[in-house]
Amino acid sequence: MQNGEHTTKTEAAYQTLRKDILETRLSPGQHLKLGVLRSAYGLGWTPLREALSRLEAERLVTAVSNRGFAVAPVSRAELEDLTRARQVIEVPLFIESIQNGGADWEEAVVTAHYRLSRCRLAVDDPSEATVNEWDEKHQAFHAALLSAATSRWLLRFRDTISDQLRRHHRFLGLAPTLRAAAGLKRGYEEAVAALREAMALEHHTDLMEAALDRDIERARKLMTEHIGYTLHVYIQAEAEATQAAPAKEKTPAGT
């Protein structure tokens, strides 16, 4: 195999696996059996191993002693740590972007906001296509807000944190809340309300307006609050699940 062809196949394997990990089609903690992956994705052994090694370097995959690889796990502790890290990194980048941004930056922010406004919310349509579209446009909106920042290293760190938060949000907050909503389980109203609040366009409109008005203090406050929504959704989902479990155990047979 020529070097260029090998590189292309490795890159394709890497991008395919990475996308499915970020979108939790490959679940956190799932053991990644090379034979199964090779059959499912049509990948060669060498590109597959090299792709998994790259993903391990990004902490999206972990090496399991004598067992190959597994998707990196998620946890509340990790979510809390990532939330703190995002606040430390993203808020200063947002301020820097506001200070540096010109007419092209303003246009990019308005355009990204408009595209986000056209998306349906997962609480109204929990299909994978809707979730993916909103996620893509939401990521693009935040990228536009930060696009006038000049610190390449901080932007790189921000991208790493954002990828990990996407997995945590989907698996710990979004997925269980949508399953509960679809099943019409009582007691999950607050979790669903928290998810709707976190995804609401109004918060993103406020961020855009603060940025365009060059209102630094308001922008700082709004972004700090916005970053905390992901954790709030998970806490609500976790709390409702804990409350629902005893009630289920006490339900008499046949009711």
C-alpha atoms as a PDB file:
ATOM      1  CA  MET A   1       0.000   0.000   0.000  1.00  0.00           C
ATOM      2  CA  GLN A   2       1.380   3.427  -0.905  1.00  0.00           C
ATOM      3  CA  ASN A   3       1.958   5.858   1.941  1.00  0.00           C
ATOM      4  CA  GLY A   4      -0.686   8.329   0.709  1.00  0.00           C
ATOM      5  CA  GLU A   5      -3.353   5.636   0.469  1.00  0.00           C
ATOM      6  CA  HIS A   6      -2.439   4.312   3.917  1.00  0.00           C
ATOM      7  CA  THR A   7      -2.702   7.822   5.419  1.00  0.00           C
ATOM      8  CA  THR A   8      -6.088   8.362   3.798  1.00  0.00           C
ATOM      9  CA  LYS A   9      -7.482   5.084   5.144  1.00  0.00           C
ATOM     10  CA  THR A  10      -6.165   5.807   8.631  1.00  0.00           C
ATOM     11  CA  GLU A  11      -7.683   9.287   8.568  1.00  0.00           C
ATOM     12  CA  ALA A  12     -11.024   7.898   7.379  1.00  0.00           C
ATOM     13  CA  ALA A  13     -11.013   5.300  10.172  1.00  0.00           C
ATOM     14  CA  TYR A  14     -10.105   7.952  12.722  1.00  0.00           C
ATOM     15  CA  GLN A  15     -12.816  10.391  11.620  1.00  0.00           C
ATOM     16  CA  THR A  16     -15.499   7.681  11.467  1.00  0.00           C
ATOM     17  CA  LEU A  17     -14.774   6.283  14.923  1.00  0.00           C
ATOM     18  CA  ARG A  18     -14.340   9.736  16.424  1.00  0.00           C
ATOM     19  CA  LYS A  19     -17.731  10.878  15.152  1.00  0.00           C
ATOM     20  CA  ASP A  20     -19.496   7.814  16.550  1.00  0.00           C
ATOM     21  CA  ILE A  21     -17.772   8.257  19.922  1.00  0.00           C
ATOM     22  CA  LEU A  22     -18.710  11.943  20.163  1.00  0.00           C
ATOM     23  CA  GLU A  23     -22.305  11.166  19.186  1.00  0.00           C
ATOM     24  CA  THR A  24     -22.315   8.210  21.647  1.00  0.00           C
ATOM     25  CA  ARG A  25     -23.236   5.613  19.033  1.00  0.00           C
ATOM     26  CA  LEU A  26     -20.221   3.951  20.614  1.00  0.00           C
ATOM     27  CA  SER A  27     -21.182   4.246  24.274  1.00  0.00           C
ATOM     28  CA  PRO A  28     -18.841   5.391  27.041  1.00  0.00           C
ATOM     29  CA  GLY A  29     -17.124   2.359  28.546  1.00  0.00           C
ATOM     30  CA  GLN A  30     -17.956   0.108  25.580  1.00  0.00           C
ATOM     31  CA  HIS A  31     -15.254  -2.422  24.798  1.00  0.00           C
ATOM     32  CA  LEU A  32     -13.953  -1.940  21.268  1.00  0.00           C
ATOM     33  CA  LYS A  33     -13.317  -5.359  19.792  1.00  0.00           C
ATOM     34  CA  LEU A  34     -11.103  -4.996  16.760  1.00  0.00           C
ATOM     35  CA  GLY A  35     -12.793  -7.801  14.827  1.00  0.00           C
ATOM     36  CA  VAL A  36     -16.250  -6.346  15.418  1.00  0.00           C
ATOM     37  CA  LEU A  37     -15.140  -2.841  14.445  1.00  0.00           C
ATOM     38  CA  ARG A  38     -13.390  -4.152  11.349  1.00  0.00           C
ATOM     39  CA  SER A  39     -16.570  -5.883  10.182  1.00  0.00           C
ATOM     40  CA  ALA A  40     -18.946  -3.092  11.133  1.00  0.00           C
ATOM     41  CA  TYR A  41     -16.950  -0.269   9.563  1.00  0.00           C
ATOM     42  CA  GLY A  42     -15.122  -2.098   6.806  1.00  0.00           C
ATOM     43  CA  LEU A  43     -11.737  -1.012   8.141  1.00  0.00           C
ATOM     44  CA  GLY A  44      -8.374  -2.655   7.742  1.00  0.00           C
ATOM     45  CA  TRP A  45      -6.400  -3.842  10.755  1.00  0.00           C
ATOM     46  CA  THR A  46      -3.597  -1.287  10.486  1.00  0.00           C
ATOM     47  CA  PRO A  47      -5.753   1.826   9.898  1.00  0.00           C
ATOM     48  CA  LEU A  48      -8.037   0.694  12.706  1.00  0.00           C
ATOM     49  CA  ARG A  49      -5.217   0.259  15.237  1.00  0.00           C
ATOM     50  CA  GLU A  50      -3.643   3.578  14.272  1.00  0.00           C
ATOM     51  CA  ALA A  51      -6.983   5.364  14.519  1.00  0.00           C
ATOM     52  CA  LEU A  52      -7.589   3.933  17.995  1.00  0.00           C
ATOM     53  CA  SER A  53      -4.117   5.038  19.084  1.00  0.00           C
ATOM     54  CA  ARG A  54      -4.883   8.589  17.958  1.00  0.00           C
ATOM     55  CA  LEU A  55      -8.185   8.536  19.812  1.00  0.00           C
ATOM     56  CA  GLU A  56      -6.413   7.268  22.920  1.00  0.00           C
ATOM     57  CA  ALA A  57      -4.085  10.281  22.728  1.00  0.00           C
ATOM     58  CA  GLU A  58      -7.200  12.490  22.720  1.00  0.00           C
ATOM     59  CA  ARG A  59      -8.600  10.615  25.746  1.00  0.00           C
ATOM     60  CA  LEU A  60     -11.652   9.532  23.794  1.00  0.00           C
ATOM     61  CA  VAL A  61     -10.458   5.925  23.983  1.00  0.00           C
ATOM     62  CA  THR A  62      -8.621   4.089  26.749  1.00  0.00           C
ATOM     63  CA  ALA A  63      -6.283   1.143  26.483  1.00  0.00           C
ATOM     64  CA  VAL A  64      -7.480  -1.842  28.541  1.00  0.00           C
ATOM     65  CA  SER A  65      -4.789  -4.191  29.792  1.00  0.00           C
ATOM     66  CA  ASN A  66      -4.806  -7.408  27.731  1.00  0.00           C
ATOM     67  CA  ARG A  67      -8.175  -6.472  26.236  1.00  0.00           C
ATOM     68  CA  GLY A  68      -7.393  -3.829  23.620  1.00  0.00           C
ATOM     69  CA  PHE A  69      -9.400  -0.604  23.753  1.00  0.00           C
ATOM     70  CA  ALA A  70     -12.610   0.806  25.207  1.00  0.00           C
ATOM     71  CA  VAL A  71     -14.474   4.082  24.768  1.00  0.00           C
ATOM     72  CA  ALA A  72     -13.428   6.474  27.528  1.00  0.00           C
ATOM     73  CA  PRO A  73     -15.947   6.472  30.407  1.00  0.00           C
ATOM     74  CA  VAL A  74     -18.017   9.445  31.555  1.00  0.00           C
ATOM     75  CA  SER A  75     -18.960  10.462  35.093  1.00  0.00           C
ATOM     76  CA  ARG A  76     -20.438  13.276  37.120  1.00  0.00           C
ATOM     77  CA  ALA A  77     -17.010  14.076  38.582  1.00  0.00           C
ATOM     78  CA  GLU A  78     -15.555  14.352  35.077  1.00  0.00           C
ATOM     79  CA  LEU A  79     -18.492  16.489  33.945  1.00  0.00           C
ATOM     80  CA  GLU A  80     -17.976  18.879  36.853  1.00  0.00           C
ATOM     81  CA  ASP A  81     -14.245  19.074  36.112  1.00  0.00           C
ATOM     82  CA  LEU A  82     -14.870  19.716  32.406  1.00  0.00           C
ATOM     83  CA  THR A  83     -17.418  22.421  33.238  1.00  0.00           C
ATOM     84  CA  ARG A  84     -14.882  24.227  35.425  1.00  0.00           C
ATOM     85  CA  ALA A  85     -12.227  23.860  32.739  1.00  0.00           C
ATOM     86  CA  ARG A  86     -14.554  25.243  30.067  1.00  0.00           C
ATOM     87  CA  GLN A  87     -15.330  28.285  32.196  1.00  0.00           C
ATOM     88  CA  VAL A  88     -11.629  28.956  32.742  1.00  0.00           C
ATOM     89  CA  ILE A  89     -10.854  28.671  29.025  1.00  0.00           C
ATOM     90  CA  GLU A  90     -13.946  29.851  27.160  1.00  0.00           C
ATOM     91  CA  VAL A  91     -14.947  32.959  29.091  1.00  0.00           C
ATOM     92  CA  PRO A  92     -11.594  34.747  28.483  1.00  0.00           C
ATOM     93  CA  LEU A  93     -11.673  33.661  24.833  1.00  0.00           C
ATOM     94  CA  PHE A  94     -15.168  35.129  24.489  1.00  0.00           C
ATOM     95  CA  ILE A  95     -14.032  38.451  25.990  1.00  0.00           C
ATOM     96  CA  GLU A  96     -10.966  38.528  23.744  1.00  0.00           C
ATOM     97  CA  SER A  97     -13.113  37.801  20.704  1.00  0.00           C
ATOM     98  CA  ILE A  98     -15.506  40.643  21.562  1.00  0.00           C
ATOM     99  CA  GLN A  99     -12.588  43.029  21.935  1.00  0.00           C
ATOM    100  CA  ASN A 100     -10.979  41.996  18.634  1.00  0.00           C
ATOM    101  CA  GLY A 101     -13.986  41.244  16.442  1.00  0.00           C
ATOM    102  CA  GLY A 102     -14.804  43.387  13.424  1.00  0.00           C
ATOM    103  CA  ALA A 103     -17.575  43.474  10.850  1.00  0.00           C
ATOM    104  CA  ASP A 104     -16.776  39.991   9.484  1.00  0.00           C
ATOM    105  CA  TRP A 105     -16.927  38.537  12.996  1.00  0.00           C
ATOM    106  CA  GLU A 106     -20.268  40.210  13.671  1.00  0.00           C
ATOM    107  CA  GLU A 107     -21.659  38.813  10.425  1.00  0.00           C
ATOM    108  CA  ALA A 108     -20.413  35.304  11.291  1.00  0.00           C
ATOM    109  CA  VAL A 109     -22.056  35.455  14.737  1.00  0.00           C
ATOM    110  CA  VAL A 110     -25.405  36.649  13.340  1.00  0.00           C
ATOM    111  CA  THR A 111     -25.348  34.005  10.596  1.00  0.00           C
ATOM    112  CA  ALA A 112     -24.530  31.190  13.047  1.00  0.00           C
ATOM    113  CA  HIS A 113     -27.307  32.373  15.365  1.00  0.00           C
ATOM    114  CA  TYR A 114     -29.822  32.391  12.522  1.00  0.00           C
ATOM    115  CA  ARG A 115     -28.877  28.831  11.517  1.00  0.00           C
ATOM    116  CA  LEU A 116     -29.254  27.699  15.126  1.00  0.00           C
ATOM    117  CA  SER A 117     -32.659  29.382  15.300  1.00  0.00           C
ATOM    118  CA  ARG A 118     -33.886  27.187  12.439  1.00  0.00           C
ATOM    119  CA  CYS A 119     -33.231  23.960  14.364  1.00  0.00           C
ATOM    120  CA  ARG A 120     -35.857  21.982  16.229  1.00  0.00           C
ATOM    121  CA  LEU A 121     -35.145  21.110  19.843  1.00  0.00           C
ATOM    122  CA  ALA A 122     -34.551  17.530  20.917  1.00  0.00           C
ATOM    123  CA  VAL A 123     -37.298  17.791  23.549  1.00  0.00           C
ATOM    124  CA  ASP A 124     -39.773  18.373  20.711  1.00  0.00           C
ATOM    125  CA  ASP A 125     -38.248  15.912  18.254  1.00  0.00           C
ATOM    126  CA  PRO A 126     -35.833  13.410  19.862  1.00  0.00           C
ATOM    127  CA  SER A 127     -34.735  11.865  16.571  1.00  0.00           C
ATOM    128  CA  GLU A 128     -31.021  11.376  15.993  1.00  0.00           C
ATOM    129  CA  ALA A 129     -31.130  13.689  12.968  1.00  0.00           C
ATOM    130  CA  THR A 130     -32.607  16.526  15.033  1.00  0.00           C
ATOM    131  CA  VAL A 131     -30.148  16.038  17.882  1.00  0.00           C
ATOM    132  CA  ASN A 132     -27.191  15.978  15.495  1.00  0.00           C
ATOM    133  CA  GLU A 133     -28.337  19.044  13.568  1.00  0.00           C
ATOM    134  CA  TRP A 134     -28.858  21.104  16.718  1.00  0.00           C
ATOM    135  CA  ASP A 135     -25.514  19.937  18.104  1.00  0.00           C
ATOM    136  CA  GLU A 136     -23.720  20.894  14.884  1.00  0.00           C
ATOM    137  CA  LYS A 137     -25.322  24.347  14.693  1.00  0.00           C
ATOM    138  CA  HIS A 138     -24.799  24.926  18.416  1.00  0.00           C
ATOM    139  CA  GLN A 139     -21.096  24.102  18.116  1.00  0.00           C
ATOM    140  CA  ALA A 140     -20.864  26.418  15.099  1.00  0.00           C
ATOM    141  CA  PHE A 141     -22.523  29.275  17.015  1.00  0.00           C
ATOM    142  CA  HIS A 142     -20.061  29.042  19.892  1.00  0.00           C
ATOM    143  CA  ALA A 143     -17.166  28.756  17.459  1.00  0.00           C
ATOM    144  CA  ALA A 144     -18.368  31.965  15.777  1.00  0.00           C
ATOM    145  CA  LEU A 145     -18.540  33.773  19.118  1.00  0.00           C
ATOM    146  CA  LEU A 146     -14.894  32.876  19.773  1.00  0.00           C
ATOM    147  CA  SER A 147     -13.631  33.228  16.217  1.00  0.00           C
ATOM    148  CA  ALA A 148     -11.968  36.619  16.735  1.00  0.00           C
ATOM    149  CA  ALA A 149      -9.861  35.366  19.655  1.00  0.00           C
ATOM    150  CA  THR A 150      -6.167  35.071  18.856  1.00  0.00           C
ATOM    151  CA  SER A 151      -4.836  32.499  21.332  1.00  0.00           C
ATOM    152  CA  ARG A 152      -4.346  29.333  19.261  1.00  0.00           C
ATOM    153  CA  TRP A 153      -3.442  27.229  22.291  1.00  0.00           C
ATOM    154  CA  LEU A 154      -6.480  28.277  24.303  1.00  0.00           C
ATOM    155  CA  LEU A 155      -8.691  27.606  21.295  1.00  0.00           C
ATOM    156  CA  ARG A 156      -7.139  24.147  20.946  1.00  0.00           C
ATOM    157  CA  PHE A 157      -7.747  23.402  24.632  1.00  0.00           C
ATOM    158  CA  ARG A 158     -11.296  24.664  24.238  1.00  0.00           C
ATOM    159  CA  ASP A 159     -11.930  22.254  21.348  1.00  0.00           C
ATOM    160  CA  THR A 160     -10.692  19.313  23.431  1.00  0.00           C
ATOM    161  CA  ILE A 161     -12.907  20.259  26.367  1.00  0.00           C
ATOM    162  CA  SER A 162     -15.886  20.828  24.057  1.00  0.00           C
ATOM    163  CA  ASP A 163     -15.585  17.357  22.522  1.00  0.00           C
ATOM    164  CA  GLN A 164     -15.538  15.698  25.929  1.00  0.00           C
ATOM    165  CA  LEU A 165     -18.473  17.772  27.121  1.00  0.00           C
ATOM    166  CA  ARG A 166     -20.508  16.755  24.075  1.00  0.00           C
ATOM    167  CA  ARG A 167     -20.154  13.078  25.069  1.00  0.00           C
ATOM    168  CA  HIS A 168     -21.006  13.787  28.683  1.00  0.00           C
ATOM    169  CA  HIS A 169     -23.994  15.925  27.774  1.00  0.00           C
ATOM    170  CA  ARG A 170     -25.428  13.339  25.394  1.00  0.00           C
ATOM    171  CA  PHE A 171     -24.920  10.320  27.601  1.00  0.00           C
ATOM    172  CA  LEU A 172     -25.559  11.737  31.080  1.00  0.00           C
ATOM    173  CA  GLY A 173     -28.122  14.461  30.446  1.00  0.00           C
ATOM    174  CA  LEU A 174     -29.683  14.373  27.015  1.00  0.00           C
ATOM    175  CA  ALA A 175     -30.238  10.652  26.427  1.00  0.00           C
ATOM    176  CA  PRO A 176     -31.826   9.700  29.795  1.00  0.00           C
ATOM    177  CA  THR A 177     -34.011  12.805  29.806  1.00  0.00           C
ATOM    178  CA  LEU A 178     -35.308  12.135  26.296  1.00  0.00           C
ATOM    179  CA  ARG A 179     -35.955   8.480  27.133  1.00  0.00           C
ATOM    180  CA  ALA A 180     -37.947   9.567  30.158  1.00  0.00           C
ATOM    181  CA  ALA A 181     -39.892  12.121  28.128  1.00  0.00           C
ATOM    182  CA  ALA A 182     -40.666   9.558  25.414  1.00  0.00           C
ATOM    183  CA  GLY A 183     -41.918   7.109  28.029  1.00  0.00           C
ATOM    184  CA  LEU A 184     -44.029   9.768  29.716  1.00  0.00           C
ATOM    185  CA  LYS A 185     -42.603   8.808  33.095  1.00  0.00           C
ATOM    186  CA  ARG A 186     -43.902  10.878  35.939  1.00  0.00           C
ATOM    187  CA  GLY A 187     -41.339  12.772  37.955  1.00  0.00           C
ATOM    188  CA  TYR A 188     -39.159  13.722  35.000  1.00  0.00           C
ATOM    189  CA  GLU A 189     -40.877  17.035  34.309  1.00  0.00           C
ATOM    190  CA  GLU A 190     -38.088  19.034  35.948  1.00  0.00           C
ATOM    191  CA  ALA A 191     -35.396  17.200  33.999  1.00  0.00           C
ATOM    192  CA  VAL A 192     -37.193  17.831  30.705  1.00  0.00           C
ATOM    193  CA  ALA A 193     -37.763  21.476  31.677  1.00  0.00           C
ATOM    194  CA  ALA A 194     -34.046  21.836  32.488  1.00  0.00           C
ATOM    195  CA  LEU A 195     -33.115  20.420  29.097  1.00  0.00           C
ATOM    196  CA  ARG A 196     -35.509  22.750  27.282  1.00  0.00           C
ATOM    197  CA  GLU A 197     -34.103  25.688  29.235  1.00  0.00           C
ATOM    198  CA  ALA A 198     -30.513  24.720  28.405  1.00  0.00           C
ATOM    199  CA  MET A 199     -31.249  24.459  24.677  1.00  0.00           C
ATOM    200  CA  ALA A 200     -33.493  27.533  24.459  1.00  0.00           C
ATOM    201  CA  LEU A 201     -32.657  30.008  21.720  1.00  0.00           C
ATOM    202  CA  GLU A 202     -33.195  32.941  24.087  1.00  0.00           C
ATOM    203  CA  HIS A 203     -29.948  32.260  25.937  1.00  0.00           C
ATOM    204  CA  HIS A 204     -28.020  32.191  22.688  1.00  0.00           C
ATOM    205  CA  THR A 205     -29.732  35.401  21.551  1.00  0.00           C
ATOM    206  CA  ASP A 206     -28.660  37.082  24.795  1.00  0.00           C
ATOM    207  CA  LEU A 207     -25.073  35.948  24.227  1.00  0.00           C
ATOM    208  CA  MET A 208     -25.131  37.293  20.673  1.00  0.00           C
ATOM    209  CA  GLU A 209     -26.573  40.640  21.694  1.00  0.00           C
ATOM    210  CA  ALA A 210     -24.080  41.094  24.522  1.00  0.00           C
ATOM    211  CA  ALA A 211     -21.259  40.289  22.113  1.00  0.00           C
ATOM    212  CA  LEU A 212     -22.478  42.661  19.394  1.00  0.00           C
ATOM    213  CA  ASP A 213     -23.080  45.410  21.985  1.00  0.00           C
ATOM    214  CA  ARG A 214     -19.493  44.861  23.221  1.00  0.00           C
ATOM    215  CA  ASP A 215     -20.922  44.598  26.742  1.00  0.00           C
ATOM    216  CA  ILE A 216     -18.020  42.787  28.397  1.00  0.00           C
ATOM    217  CA  GLU A 217     -19.458  42.347  31.876  1.00  0.00           C
ATOM    218  CA  ARG A 218     -22.826  41.118  30.635  1.00  0.00           C
ATOM    219  CA  ALA A 219     -21.138  38.775  28.189  1.00  0.00           C
ATOM    220  CA  ARG A 220     -18.947  37.361  30.954  1.00  0.00           C
ATOM    221  CA  LYS A 221     -21.953  36.745  33.219  1.00  0.00           C
ATOM    222  CA  LEU A 222     -24.081  35.188  30.478  1.00  0.00           C
ATOM    223  CA  MET A 223     -21.356  32.837  29.242  1.00  0.00           C
ATOM    224  CA  THR A 224     -20.534  31.686  32.778  1.00  0.00           C
ATOM    225  CA  GLU A 225     -24.206  30.861  33.363  1.00  0.00           C
ATOM    226  CA  HIS A 226     -24.559  29.236  29.939  1.00  0.00           C
ATOM    227  CA  ILE A 227     -21.642  26.898  30.508  1.00  0.00           C
ATOM    228  CA  GLY A 228     -23.288  25.646  33.693  1.00  0.00           C
ATOM    229  CA  TYR A 229     -26.473  24.478  31.940  1.00  0.00           C
ATOM    230  CA  THR A 230     -25.055  21.119  30.857  1.00  0.00           C
ATOM    231  CA  LEU A 231     -24.235  20.208  34.440  1.00  0.00           C
ATOM    232  CA  HIS A 232     -27.649  21.415  35.610  1.00  0.00           C
ATOM    233  CA  VAL A 233     -29.434  19.161  33.097  1.00  0.00           C
ATOM    234  CA  TYR A 234     -27.499  16.132  34.318  1.00  0.00           C
ATOM    235  CA  ILE A 235     -28.127  16.943  37.992  1.00  0.00           C
ATOM    236  CA  GLN A 236     -31.869  17.191  37.317  1.00  0.00           C
ATOM    237  CA  ALA A 237     -31.892  13.924  35.367  1.00  0.00           C
ATOM    238  CA  GLU A 238     -29.899  12.185  38.104  1.00  0.00           C
ATOM    239  CA  ALA A 239     -32.144  13.553  40.851  1.00  0.00           C
ATOM    240  CA  GLU A 240     -35.337  12.509  39.086  1.00  0.00           C
ATOM    241  CA  ALA A 241     -33.947   9.035  38.391  1.00  0.00           C
ATOM    242  CA  THR A 242     -33.057   8.618  42.063  1.00  0.00           C
ATOM    243  CA  GLN A 243     -36.523   9.705  43.165  1.00  0.00           C
ATOM    244  CA  ALA A 244     -38.263   7.489  40.629  1.00  0.00           C
ATOM    245  CA  ALA A 245     -36.413   4.285  41.597  1.00  0.00           C
ATOM    246  CA  PRO A 246     -37.937   3.802  45.104  1.00  0.00           C
ATOM    247  CA  ALA A 247     -41.401   4.589  43.762  1.00  0.00           C
ATOM    248  CA  LYS A 248     -41.031   1.845  41.195  1.00  0.00           C
ATOM    249  CA  GLU A 249     -39.951  -0.647  43.824  1.00  0.00           C
ATOM    250  CA  LYS A 250     -42.997   0.101  45.947  1.00  0.00           C
ATOM    251  CA  THR A 251     -45.490  -0.326  43.113  1.00  0.00           C
ATOM    252  CA  PRO A 252     -47.696  -3.393  43.890  1.00  0.00           C
ATOM    253  CA  ALA A 253     -47.575  -6.225  41.386  1.00  0.00           C
ATOM    254  CA  GLY A 254     -50.293  -6.067  38.756  1.00  0.00           C
ATOM    255  CA  THR A 255     -50.827  -2.293  38.968  1.00  0.00           C
END
